[in-house]
N, C-alpha and C. Protein backbone atom coordinates (compact mmCIF):
# COMPACT_ATOMS: atom_id res chain seq x y z
N MET A 1 1.04 -1.50 0.13
CA MET A 1 0.42 -0.11 0.21
C MET A 1 1.07 1.22 -0.21
N GLY A 2 0.95 2.20 -0.81
CA GLY A 2 1.53 3.04 -0.53
C GLY A 2 1.58 4.39 -0.11
N GLY A 3 2.45 5.46 0.69
CA GLY A 3 1.81 6.58 1.05
C GLY A 3 0.98 7.98 0.72
N LYS A 4 0.06 8.05 1.74
CA LYS A 4 -0.20 9.49 1.21
C LYS A 4 0.95 11.07 0.94
N VAL A 5 0.49 11.38 -0.06
CA VAL A 5 0.65 12.65 0.09
C VAL A 5 -0.37 13.74 0.54
N VAL A 6 0.37 14.57 1.56
CA VAL A 6 -0.03 15.25 2.32
C VAL A 6 0.05 16.77 1.74
N ALA A 7 -0.70 17.71 1.24
CA ALA A 7 -0.52 18.91 0.82
C ALA A 7 -0.22 20.32 2.02
N ILE A 8 0.07 20.75 2.15
CA ILE A 8 0.19 21.96 3.19
C ILE A 8 0.28 22.96 2.51
N VAL A 9 -0.74 24.27 2.61
CA VAL A 9 -1.42 25.39 2.01
C VAL A 9 -1.52 26.55 2.94
N GLY A 10 -1.48 27.44 2.51
CA GLY A 10 -1.73 28.71 3.33
C GLY A 10 -0.81 30.01 2.90
N GLN A 11 -1.79 31.20 3.46
CA GLN A 11 -1.16 32.68 3.16
C GLN A 11 0.47 32.17 3.71
N ILE A 12 1.45 34.04 3.48
CA ILE A 12 2.14 34.17 3.95
C ILE A 12 2.17 33.98 5.34
N ALA A 13 3.20 33.53 5.99
CA ALA A 13 3.68 33.12 7.43
C ALA A 13 2.24 32.14 8.52
N ALA A 14 1.59 31.79 7.44
CA ALA A 14 0.68 30.47 8.12
C ALA A 14 1.17 29.64 8.75
N GLY A 15 2.54 29.04 8.85
CA GLY A 15 2.83 28.80 9.24
C GLY A 15 3.62 27.15 8.44
N LYS A 16 3.23 26.97 7.06
CA LYS A 16 3.20 25.69 6.34
C LYS A 16 4.33 25.29 6.40
N THR A 17 6.04 25.90 6.03
CA THR A 17 7.00 25.72 6.50
C THR A 17 6.83 24.67 7.83
N THR A 18 7.04 25.52 8.81
CA THR A 18 7.42 25.09 9.95
C THR A 18 6.27 23.87 10.11
N LEU A 19 5.19 23.61 9.69
CA LEU A 19 3.98 22.16 10.09
C LEU A 19 5.09 21.52 9.11
N ALA A 20 5.18 21.57 7.91
CA ALA A 20 5.96 20.24 7.21
C ALA A 20 7.70 19.86 7.92
N GLN A 21 7.58 20.44 8.21
CA GLN A 21 9.56 20.85 9.11
C GLN A 21 9.47 19.55 10.32
N PHE A 22 7.95 19.83 10.63
CA PHE A 22 7.71 19.25 11.63
C PHE A 22 7.00 17.67 11.42
N MET A 23 6.57 17.28 10.51
CA MET A 23 6.12 16.53 9.62
C MET A 23 6.98 15.25 9.25
N GLU A 24 7.69 16.02 8.97
CA GLU A 24 8.92 15.69 8.25
C GLU A 24 9.76 15.13 9.46
N GLY A 25 9.66 15.14 10.80
CA GLY A 25 10.54 14.83 12.01
C GLY A 25 10.02 13.86 12.25
N HIS A 26 8.18 13.43 11.98
CA HIS A 26 7.50 12.73 12.97
C HIS A 26 7.22 11.32 11.52
N GLY A 27 7.99 10.86 10.43
CA GLY A 27 7.48 10.00 9.48
C GLY A 27 7.05 9.94 8.56
N PHE A 28 7.29 11.61 8.38
CA PHE A 28 6.48 11.87 6.60
C PHE A 28 7.88 12.51 6.30
N ARG A 29 7.80 11.74 4.42
CA ARG A 29 9.16 12.30 4.15
C ARG A 29 8.64 13.79 3.32
N ARG A 30 9.36 14.64 3.03
CA ARG A 30 9.23 15.68 2.73
C ARG A 30 9.79 15.62 0.91
N ILE A 31 8.61 15.86 -0.06
CA ILE A 31 8.70 16.69 -1.31
C ILE A 31 9.27 17.77 -1.46
N VAL A 32 10.48 18.11 -2.37
CA VAL A 32 11.70 18.76 -2.44
C VAL A 32 10.55 19.16 -3.89
N THR A 33 10.74 20.61 -3.70
CA THR A 33 9.67 21.04 -5.10
C THR A 33 11.12 22.07 -5.97
N TYR A 34 10.94 22.17 -7.15
CA TYR A 34 11.76 23.21 -7.66
C TYR A 34 11.55 24.73 -8.17
N THR A 35 12.92 25.35 -7.95
CA THR A 35 12.17 26.86 -8.42
C THR A 35 13.30 27.56 -8.86
N THR A 36 13.26 28.71 -9.93
CA THR A 36 13.80 29.77 -10.31
C THR A 36 14.44 30.36 -9.29
N ARG A 37 13.41 30.90 -8.74
CA ARG A 37 14.27 31.71 -7.86
C ARG A 37 15.65 31.74 -7.10
N PRO A 38 15.59 32.95 -6.33
CA PRO A 38 17.37 32.39 -5.81
C PRO A 38 17.18 32.37 -4.36
N PRO A 39 18.28 31.58 -4.27
CA PRO A 39 18.09 30.96 -2.66
C PRO A 39 18.65 31.67 -1.25
N ARG A 40 17.26 31.97 -0.50
CA ARG A 40 17.40 32.45 0.55
C ARG A 40 18.39 32.49 1.53
N VAL A 41 18.70 33.06 2.47
CA VAL A 41 20.26 32.67 4.02
C VAL A 41 19.48 31.38 4.18
N GLY A 42 20.62 30.74 4.13
CA GLY A 42 20.28 29.24 4.54
C GLY A 42 19.77 28.46 3.98
N GLU A 43 19.38 28.67 2.94
CA GLU A 43 18.66 27.53 1.73
C GLU A 43 19.80 26.79 1.33
N LYS A 44 19.62 25.65 1.21
CA LYS A 44 20.50 24.86 0.34
C LYS A 44 20.20 24.13 -0.80
N ASP A 45 20.40 23.87 -2.53
CA ASP A 45 19.89 23.17 -2.50
C ASP A 45 19.82 22.07 -2.81
N GLY A 46 18.21 20.94 -3.11
CA GLY A 46 18.01 19.50 -2.91
C GLY A 46 17.40 19.36 -1.64
N VAL A 47 17.80 20.21 -0.92
CA VAL A 47 17.16 20.45 0.51
C VAL A 47 15.55 21.69 0.79
N SER A 48 16.29 22.79 0.59
CA SER A 48 15.08 23.31 0.96
C SER A 48 14.40 23.72 -0.33
N TYR A 49 14.79 23.42 -1.70
CA TYR A 49 14.18 23.37 -3.64
C TYR A 49 15.83 23.14 -4.08
N HIS A 50 15.12 22.60 -5.04
CA HIS A 50 16.49 22.16 -6.08
C HIS A 50 16.05 23.29 -6.65
N PHE A 51 17.29 24.46 -7.11
CA PHE A 51 17.43 25.34 -7.91
C PHE A 51 17.79 25.23 -8.92
N LEU A 52 17.60 26.03 -9.64
CA LEU A 52 16.98 25.79 -11.47
C LEU A 52 17.32 27.05 -12.11
N THR A 53 18.17 27.17 -13.13
CA THR A 53 17.74 28.66 -13.73
C THR A 53 16.81 28.58 -15.23
N ASP A 54 16.62 29.42 -15.29
CA ASP A 54 15.05 29.41 -15.95
C ASP A 54 15.04 28.84 -16.75
N LYS A 55 16.36 28.79 -18.11
CA LYS A 55 16.62 27.44 -19.24
C LYS A 55 16.30 26.27 -18.65
N GLU A 56 17.06 25.61 -17.40
CA GLU A 56 16.41 24.33 -17.05
C GLU A 56 15.14 24.21 -16.43
N PHE A 57 14.44 24.90 -15.95
CA PHE A 57 13.34 24.93 -15.56
C PHE A 57 12.44 25.04 -16.98
N ALA A 58 12.73 25.70 -17.76
CA ALA A 58 11.84 25.61 -19.17
C ALA A 58 11.96 24.16 -19.84
N ASP A 59 13.34 23.66 -19.72
CA ASP A 59 13.55 22.56 -20.23
C ASP A 59 12.55 21.39 -20.32
N LYS A 60 13.04 21.65 -18.54
CA LYS A 60 12.03 20.11 -17.63
C LYS A 60 10.12 20.40 -17.96
N VAL A 61 9.65 21.76 -18.01
CA VAL A 61 8.30 21.81 -18.45
C VAL A 61 8.05 21.13 -20.15
N GLN A 62 9.00 21.68 -20.94
CA GLN A 62 8.76 20.94 -22.00
C GLN A 62 8.97 19.74 -22.12
N ASN A 63 9.54 18.91 -21.79
CA ASN A 63 9.47 17.42 -21.28
C ASN A 63 8.70 16.74 -20.47
N GLY A 64 8.06 17.80 -20.09
CA GLY A 64 6.71 16.80 -19.19
C GLY A 64 6.92 16.12 -17.43
N TYR A 65 8.42 16.92 -17.13
CA TYR A 65 8.82 16.65 -16.19
C TYR A 65 8.24 16.70 -14.91
N PHE A 66 7.25 17.71 -14.78
CA PHE A 66 6.27 18.20 -13.83
C PHE A 66 4.94 17.79 -14.03
N ALA A 67 4.41 17.88 -12.58
CA ALA A 67 3.06 17.21 -12.63
C ALA A 67 1.73 19.03 -12.53
N GLU A 68 3.05 19.81 -11.94
CA GLU A 68 2.12 21.21 -11.94
C GLU A 68 3.38 22.40 -11.81
N THR A 69 3.30 23.39 -12.30
CA THR A 69 3.86 24.86 -12.16
C THR A 69 2.71 25.69 -12.07
N THR A 70 3.85 26.60 -11.53
CA THR A 70 3.43 28.09 -11.55
C THR A 70 4.33 29.01 -11.82
N SER A 71 3.93 30.17 -11.36
CA SER A 71 4.76 31.66 -11.78
C SER A 71 3.74 32.56 -11.28
N TYR A 72 5.52 33.22 -10.62
CA TYR A 72 5.06 34.47 -9.46
C TYR A 72 5.96 35.88 -10.17
N SER A 73 5.32 36.89 -10.16
CA SER A 73 6.05 38.13 -9.99
C SER A 73 6.58 38.52 -8.65
N ALA A 74 7.89 39.06 -8.58
CA ALA A 74 8.66 38.97 -7.24
C ALA A 74 9.41 39.96 -7.16
N LYS A 75 9.81 40.77 -6.06
CA LYS A 75 10.64 41.63 -5.89
C LYS A 75 11.83 41.56 -6.74
N PHE A 76 12.44 40.58 -7.45
CA PHE A 76 13.63 40.34 -8.17
C PHE A 76 13.18 39.83 -9.14
N GLY A 77 11.96 39.72 -9.88
CA GLY A 77 11.47 39.17 -11.25
C GLY A 77 11.23 38.18 -11.14
N ASN A 78 10.69 37.52 -12.33
CA ASN A 78 9.49 36.00 -12.19
C ASN A 78 10.42 34.98 -11.41
N ALA A 79 9.68 34.35 -10.49
CA ALA A 79 10.06 32.94 -9.91
C ALA A 79 8.90 32.27 -10.62
N SER A 80 9.78 30.78 -10.85
CA SER A 80 9.05 29.89 -11.56
C SER A 80 8.70 28.72 -10.46
N TYR A 81 7.51 27.80 -10.34
CA TYR A 81 7.69 26.48 -9.13
C TYR A 81 7.21 25.60 -10.02
N GLY A 82 8.44 24.32 -9.31
CA GLY A 82 7.21 22.83 -10.07
C GLY A 82 7.26 22.35 -9.18
N THR A 83 6.31 20.78 -8.96
CA THR A 83 6.76 19.48 -8.22
C THR A 83 6.92 18.70 -9.41
N SER A 84 7.43 17.82 -9.03
CA SER A 84 7.92 16.32 -10.23
C SER A 84 6.98 15.51 -10.03
N ARG A 85 6.44 15.00 -11.06
CA ARG A 85 5.67 13.74 -11.06
C ARG A 85 6.56 13.13 -10.38
N GLU A 86 7.41 12.33 -10.82
CA GLU A 86 7.83 11.16 -9.69
C GLU A 86 7.84 11.31 -8.72
N SER A 87 8.32 12.59 -7.71
CA SER A 87 7.63 12.76 -6.31
C SER A 87 6.52 12.52 -5.59
N LEU A 88 5.54 12.73 -6.76
CA LEU A 88 3.78 12.33 -6.14
C LEU A 88 3.67 10.87 -6.29
N GLU A 89 4.74 10.66 -7.95
CA GLU A 89 4.17 9.15 -7.89
C GLU A 89 4.43 7.82 -7.69
N THR A 90 6.09 8.30 -7.02
CA THR A 90 6.71 6.86 -6.24
C THR A 90 5.87 6.42 -5.13
N ALA A 91 5.56 4.75 -5.32
CA ALA A 91 4.85 4.14 -4.78
C ALA A 91 5.62 3.36 -3.59
N ASP A 92 6.20 4.12 -2.51
CA ASP A 92 7.02 3.93 -1.43
C ASP A 92 6.86 3.57 -0.26
N GLY A 93 5.38 3.80 0.28
CA GLY A 93 4.41 3.65 1.16
C GLY A 93 4.97 4.24 1.82
N VAL A 94 5.16 5.37 1.99
CA VAL A 94 6.09 6.36 2.58
C VAL A 94 4.80 7.22 3.13
N ASN A 95 4.51 7.56 3.84
CA ASN A 95 3.61 9.35 3.60
C ASN A 95 4.54 10.57 3.54
N LYS A 96 3.99 11.77 2.84
CA LYS A 96 5.04 12.84 2.37
C LYS A 96 3.95 13.99 2.51
N VAL A 97 5.15 14.66 2.69
CA VAL A 97 4.44 16.49 2.73
C VAL A 97 5.16 17.20 2.02
N ILE A 98 4.24 18.00 1.60
CA ILE A 98 4.70 18.94 -0.07
C ILE A 98 4.26 20.01 0.69
N VAL A 99 4.54 21.61 0.58
CA VAL A 99 3.81 22.65 0.93
C VAL A 99 3.81 23.28 -0.75
N LEU A 100 2.44 23.81 -0.92
CA LEU A 100 1.52 23.73 -2.18
C LEU A 100 1.01 25.25 -1.67
N ASN A 101 0.91 25.90 -3.25
CA ASN A 101 0.00 27.58 -3.02
C ASN A 101 -1.42 26.80 -3.44
N PRO A 102 -2.35 27.47 -3.77
CA PRO A 102 -3.60 27.13 -4.26
C PRO A 102 -3.58 26.74 -5.60
N GLN A 103 -2.80 27.54 -6.81
CA GLN A 103 -2.91 27.17 -7.85
C GLN A 103 -2.32 25.29 -7.97
N GLY A 104 -1.04 25.12 -7.12
CA GLY A 104 -1.03 24.07 -7.25
C GLY A 104 -1.58 22.90 -6.72
N VAL A 105 -2.50 22.75 -5.84
CA VAL A 105 -3.46 22.01 -5.33
C VAL A 105 -4.65 21.66 -6.05
N VAL A 106 -4.90 22.78 -7.19
CA VAL A 106 -5.93 23.00 -8.05
C VAL A 106 -5.24 21.91 -9.57
N ALA A 107 -4.27 22.24 -9.61
CA ALA A 107 -3.97 21.80 -10.56
C ALA A 107 -3.52 20.06 -10.31
N LEU A 108 -2.86 19.94 -8.99
CA LEU A 108 -2.75 18.53 -8.90
C LEU A 108 -4.58 17.93 -8.74
N LYS A 109 -4.87 18.09 -7.72
CA LYS A 109 -6.61 17.62 -7.75
C LYS A 109 -6.89 17.73 -8.94
N ASP A 110 -7.18 18.82 -9.86
CA ASP A 110 -8.14 18.61 -10.96
C ASP A 110 -7.43 17.06 -11.87
N ALA A 111 -5.81 17.21 -12.10
CA ALA A 111 -5.06 16.11 -12.89
C ALA A 111 -5.27 14.67 -12.27
N GLY A 112 -6.61 14.91 -11.06
CA GLY A 112 -6.39 13.26 -10.25
C GLY A 112 -5.89 12.57 -8.97
N TYR A 113 -4.48 13.58 -9.06
CA TYR A 113 -3.48 12.78 -8.05
C TYR A 113 -4.56 13.09 -6.84
N ASP A 114 -4.37 11.87 -5.69
CA ASP A 114 -4.66 11.41 -4.30
C ASP A 114 -3.69 12.38 -3.66
N ILE A 115 -4.03 13.49 -2.95
CA ILE A 115 -3.36 14.67 -2.33
C ILE A 115 -4.40 14.84 -1.54
N PHE A 116 -4.08 15.06 -0.31
CA PHE A 116 -4.80 15.28 1.19
C PHE A 116 -4.31 16.38 1.55
N VAL A 117 -4.79 17.76 1.36
CA VAL A 117 -5.18 19.13 1.54
C VAL A 117 -5.55 19.41 2.73
N VAL A 118 -4.59 20.55 3.31
CA VAL A 118 -4.38 20.57 5.00
C VAL A 118 -4.22 22.40 4.88
N TYR A 119 -5.56 23.16 4.68
CA TYR A 119 -5.69 24.35 4.76
C TYR A 119 -5.32 25.12 5.98
N LEU A 120 -4.32 25.89 6.11
CA LEU A 120 -3.57 26.63 7.26
C LEU A 120 -4.55 28.24 7.08
N ASP A 121 -5.87 28.29 7.21
CA ASP A 121 -6.38 29.34 7.23
C ASP A 121 -6.50 30.32 8.54
N MET A 122 -5.19 31.58 8.75
CA MET A 122 -5.07 31.98 9.57
C MET A 122 -5.34 33.22 9.68
N PRO A 123 -6.33 33.83 10.87
CA PRO A 123 -6.62 35.61 11.09
C PRO A 123 -5.35 36.41 10.05
N GLN A 124 -5.64 37.11 9.61
CA GLN A 124 -4.65 38.34 8.95
C GLN A 124 -4.14 38.87 9.87
N GLU A 125 -4.52 39.48 10.95
CA GLU A 125 -3.35 39.76 11.90
C GLU A 125 -2.13 38.94 12.58
N VAL A 126 -2.40 37.75 12.30
CA VAL A 126 -1.34 36.25 12.90
C VAL A 126 -0.49 36.60 11.73
N LEU A 127 -1.04 36.71 10.80
CA LEU A 127 0.27 36.50 9.64
C LEU A 127 0.71 37.62 9.78
N MET A 128 0.16 39.14 9.87
CA MET A 128 0.98 39.77 9.63
C MET A 128 2.49 39.66 10.84
N ARG A 129 1.15 39.39 11.78
CA ARG A 129 2.29 39.76 12.99
C ARG A 129 3.60 38.82 13.07
N ARG A 130 3.15 37.58 12.54
CA ARG A 130 4.33 36.39 12.24
C ARG A 130 5.15 36.55 11.02
N ALA A 131 4.69 37.29 10.10
CA ALA A 131 6.08 37.86 9.11
C ALA A 131 6.38 38.90 9.57
N LEU A 132 6.25 39.73 10.56
CA LEU A 132 7.02 40.71 10.69
C LEU A 132 7.91 40.32 12.11
N GLN A 133 7.77 39.58 12.84
CA GLN A 133 8.75 38.43 13.88
C GLN A 133 9.46 38.07 12.84
N ARG A 134 9.26 37.73 11.92
CA ARG A 134 10.69 36.72 11.06
C ARG A 134 11.17 37.95 10.13
N GLY A 135 10.78 38.94 10.28
CA GLY A 135 11.97 39.70 9.67
C GLY A 135 11.55 40.52 8.19
N ASP A 136 10.18 39.84 7.51
CA ASP A 136 9.64 40.33 6.66
C ASP A 136 9.24 42.03 6.14
N ASN A 137 10.08 42.61 5.06
CA ASN A 137 8.98 44.10 4.56
C ASN A 137 7.87 44.24 4.86
N PRO A 138 7.50 44.87 5.51
CA PRO A 138 5.99 45.68 5.87
C PRO A 138 5.51 45.57 4.32
N ALA A 139 5.86 46.17 3.59
CA ALA A 139 5.24 46.66 2.35
C ALA A 139 4.97 45.65 1.79
N GLU A 140 6.15 44.83 1.46
CA GLU A 140 5.99 43.04 1.09
C GLU A 140 4.70 42.62 1.28
N ILE A 141 4.64 42.18 3.28
CA ILE A 141 3.88 41.82 3.36
C ILE A 141 1.78 42.06 3.17
N GLY A 142 2.35 43.19 3.26
CA GLY A 142 0.85 44.29 2.99
C GLY A 142 0.56 43.35 1.19
N ARG A 143 1.78 43.48 0.10
CA ARG A 143 1.27 42.84 -1.08
C ARG A 143 0.78 41.77 -0.96
N ARG A 144 1.87 40.61 -0.25
CA ARG A 144 1.76 39.37 0.05
C ARG A 144 0.18 38.56 0.12
N ILE A 145 -0.18 39.57 1.61
CA ILE A 145 -1.62 38.98 1.85
C ILE A 145 -2.55 39.55 1.22
N ALA A 146 -1.98 40.54 0.29
CA ALA A 146 -3.32 40.96 -0.81
C ALA A 146 -3.37 39.74 -1.73
N ASP A 147 -2.33 39.54 -2.22
CA ASP A 147 -1.89 38.51 -3.70
C ASP A 147 -2.73 37.41 -2.64
N ASP A 148 -2.45 36.96 -1.99
CA ASP A 148 -3.15 35.32 -1.39
C ASP A 148 -4.86 35.91 -1.24
N THR A 149 -4.60 36.86 -0.58
CA THR A 149 -6.76 36.84 -0.24
C THR A 149 -6.68 36.20 -1.40
N ARG A 150 -6.49 37.06 -2.42
CA ARG A 150 -7.44 36.61 -4.72
C ARG A 150 -6.91 35.30 -4.53
N LEU A 151 -6.21 34.94 -4.08
CA LEU A 151 -5.51 33.66 -4.35
C LEU A 151 -6.05 32.38 -3.85
N PHE A 152 -6.60 32.75 -2.85
CA PHE A 152 -6.88 31.59 -1.59
C PHE A 152 -8.44 31.49 -1.66
N ARG A 153 -9.16 32.38 -2.73
CA ARG A 153 -10.37 32.83 -2.70
C ARG A 153 -11.48 31.15 -3.02
N ARG A 154 -10.57 30.99 -3.93
CA ARG A 154 -10.88 29.36 -4.66
C ARG A 154 -10.67 28.60 -3.44
N LEU A 155 -9.92 28.21 -2.70
CA LEU A 155 -9.85 27.23 -1.78
C LEU A 155 -10.78 27.78 -0.13
N GLU A 156 -11.18 28.15 -0.22
CA GLU A 156 -11.50 28.96 1.11
C GLU A 156 -13.28 28.30 1.19
N ASN A 157 -13.30 27.20 1.78
CA ASN A 157 -14.69 26.71 2.13
C ASN A 157 -15.59 25.82 0.99
N SER A 158 -14.02 25.27 0.27
CA SER A 158 -13.99 24.60 -0.83
C SER A 158 -13.77 22.92 -0.35
N GLY A 159 -15.14 22.13 -0.18
CA GLY A 159 -15.14 20.51 0.25
C GLY A 159 -14.10 19.98 -1.09
N GLU A 160 -14.27 20.65 -1.95
CA GLU A 160 -13.95 19.74 -3.75
C GLU A 160 -12.60 19.68 -3.36
N TYR A 161 -11.49 20.47 -3.00
CA TYR A 161 -9.71 20.78 -2.81
C TYR A 161 -9.47 20.55 -1.31
N VAL A 162 -10.36 21.22 -0.66
CA VAL A 162 -9.25 20.70 0.82
C VAL A 162 -9.90 19.82 1.89
N ASN A 163 -9.60 19.33 2.45
CA ASN A 163 -9.68 18.06 3.18
C ASN A 163 -10.26 18.70 4.57
N LEU A 164 -9.27 19.31 5.38
CA LEU A 164 -8.49 19.46 6.54
C LEU A 164 -8.45 21.27 6.54
N THR A 165 -9.19 22.09 7.06
CA THR A 165 -8.97 23.20 7.59
C THR A 165 -8.64 23.48 8.89
N VAL A 166 -7.51 24.63 9.17
CA VAL A 166 -6.68 24.27 10.35
C VAL A 166 -6.83 25.88 10.55
N SER A 167 -7.98 26.71 11.49
CA SER A 167 -7.89 28.19 11.55
C SER A 167 -8.03 28.18 13.22
N ASN A 168 -7.29 27.88 14.20
CA ASN A 168 -6.64 28.25 15.41
C ASN A 168 -5.17 28.29 15.48
N PRO A 169 -5.00 29.48 15.27
CA PRO A 169 -3.08 30.18 15.77
C PRO A 169 -2.26 29.27 16.67
N GLU A 170 -3.70 28.99 17.60
CA GLU A 170 -2.92 28.38 19.12
C GLU A 170 -2.29 26.81 18.46
N LEU A 171 -2.53 26.05 17.74
CA LEU A 171 -2.81 25.04 17.76
C LEU A 171 -0.96 24.96 17.21
N LEU A 172 -0.31 23.93 17.69
CA LEU A 172 1.27 23.46 17.89
C LEU A 172 1.44 22.91 16.60
N PRO A 173 2.37 22.55 15.57
CA PRO A 173 2.84 21.63 15.15
C PRO A 173 2.32 20.09 15.21
N ASN A 174 2.66 20.22 16.59
CA ASN A 174 2.80 18.73 16.81
C ASN A 174 0.96 18.20 17.09
N GLN A 175 0.53 19.12 17.32
CA GLN A 175 -1.40 18.57 17.70
C GLN A 175 -1.95 19.03 15.95
N ILE A 176 -1.22 19.82 15.20
CA ILE A 176 -1.82 19.84 13.87
C ILE A 176 -1.20 18.15 13.10
N CYS A 177 -0.49 18.13 13.29
CA CYS A 177 0.52 16.77 12.91
C CYS A 177 -0.34 15.85 13.64
N GLU A 178 -0.67 15.19 14.84
CA GLU A 178 -1.60 14.55 15.30
C GLU A 178 -2.98 14.18 14.55
N TRP A 179 -4.00 15.29 14.41
CA TRP A 179 -4.55 15.43 13.67
C TRP A 179 -4.56 15.26 12.17
N ILE A 180 -3.73 15.77 11.49
CA ILE A 180 -3.75 14.57 10.18
C ILE A 180 -3.47 13.52 10.10
N GLN A 181 -2.76 12.88 10.68
CA GLN A 181 -2.45 12.09 11.37
C GLN A 181 -2.94 10.85 11.40
N SER A 182 -4.58 11.24 12.75
CA SER A 182 -5.68 10.96 13.15
C SER A 182 -6.82 10.66 11.91
N VAL A 183 -6.65 11.90 10.46
CA VAL A 183 -7.88 11.80 9.60
C VAL A 183 -7.19 10.85 8.26
N ILE A 184 -6.13 10.81 8.33
CA ILE A 184 -5.61 9.82 6.86
C ILE A 184 -5.32 8.56 7.34
């Protein structure tokens, strides 16, 4: 029997990466996605993301390597992200966790991938506080929250795409992980 793929989705500073890292330490294998954006301080190629040039990414798209891709306009230019088909389709019996955006969730669900989607739907004041605490630029936080609000409309209250919604910012990663494990 194959493992389950759990997709974590949420707005800026919702706790996606923190939850995914916790889950990785508790029986889940993290799916490392691909990106053309420059690495942030402390990120490592093949661990945080697979960092590619625009041409390398475009070649993989053309060869059908990705199950889903998306692009963003960021302060440094355009950045593309993608999830390899192989990472989703490898049936090794291990539960996996991936952080996705709403477009990635919709693309994978619409393509028939069996993913269990956990939506971290945190109040905007919590998102703002967390983003400021981690040192994000206040103007960039406001822009991202506005963009995210628009992007997440399709997921909100959608039983079609979301399997579990977490709206309580007081829940700790271990509590959310236990909740996920109990329902998958």
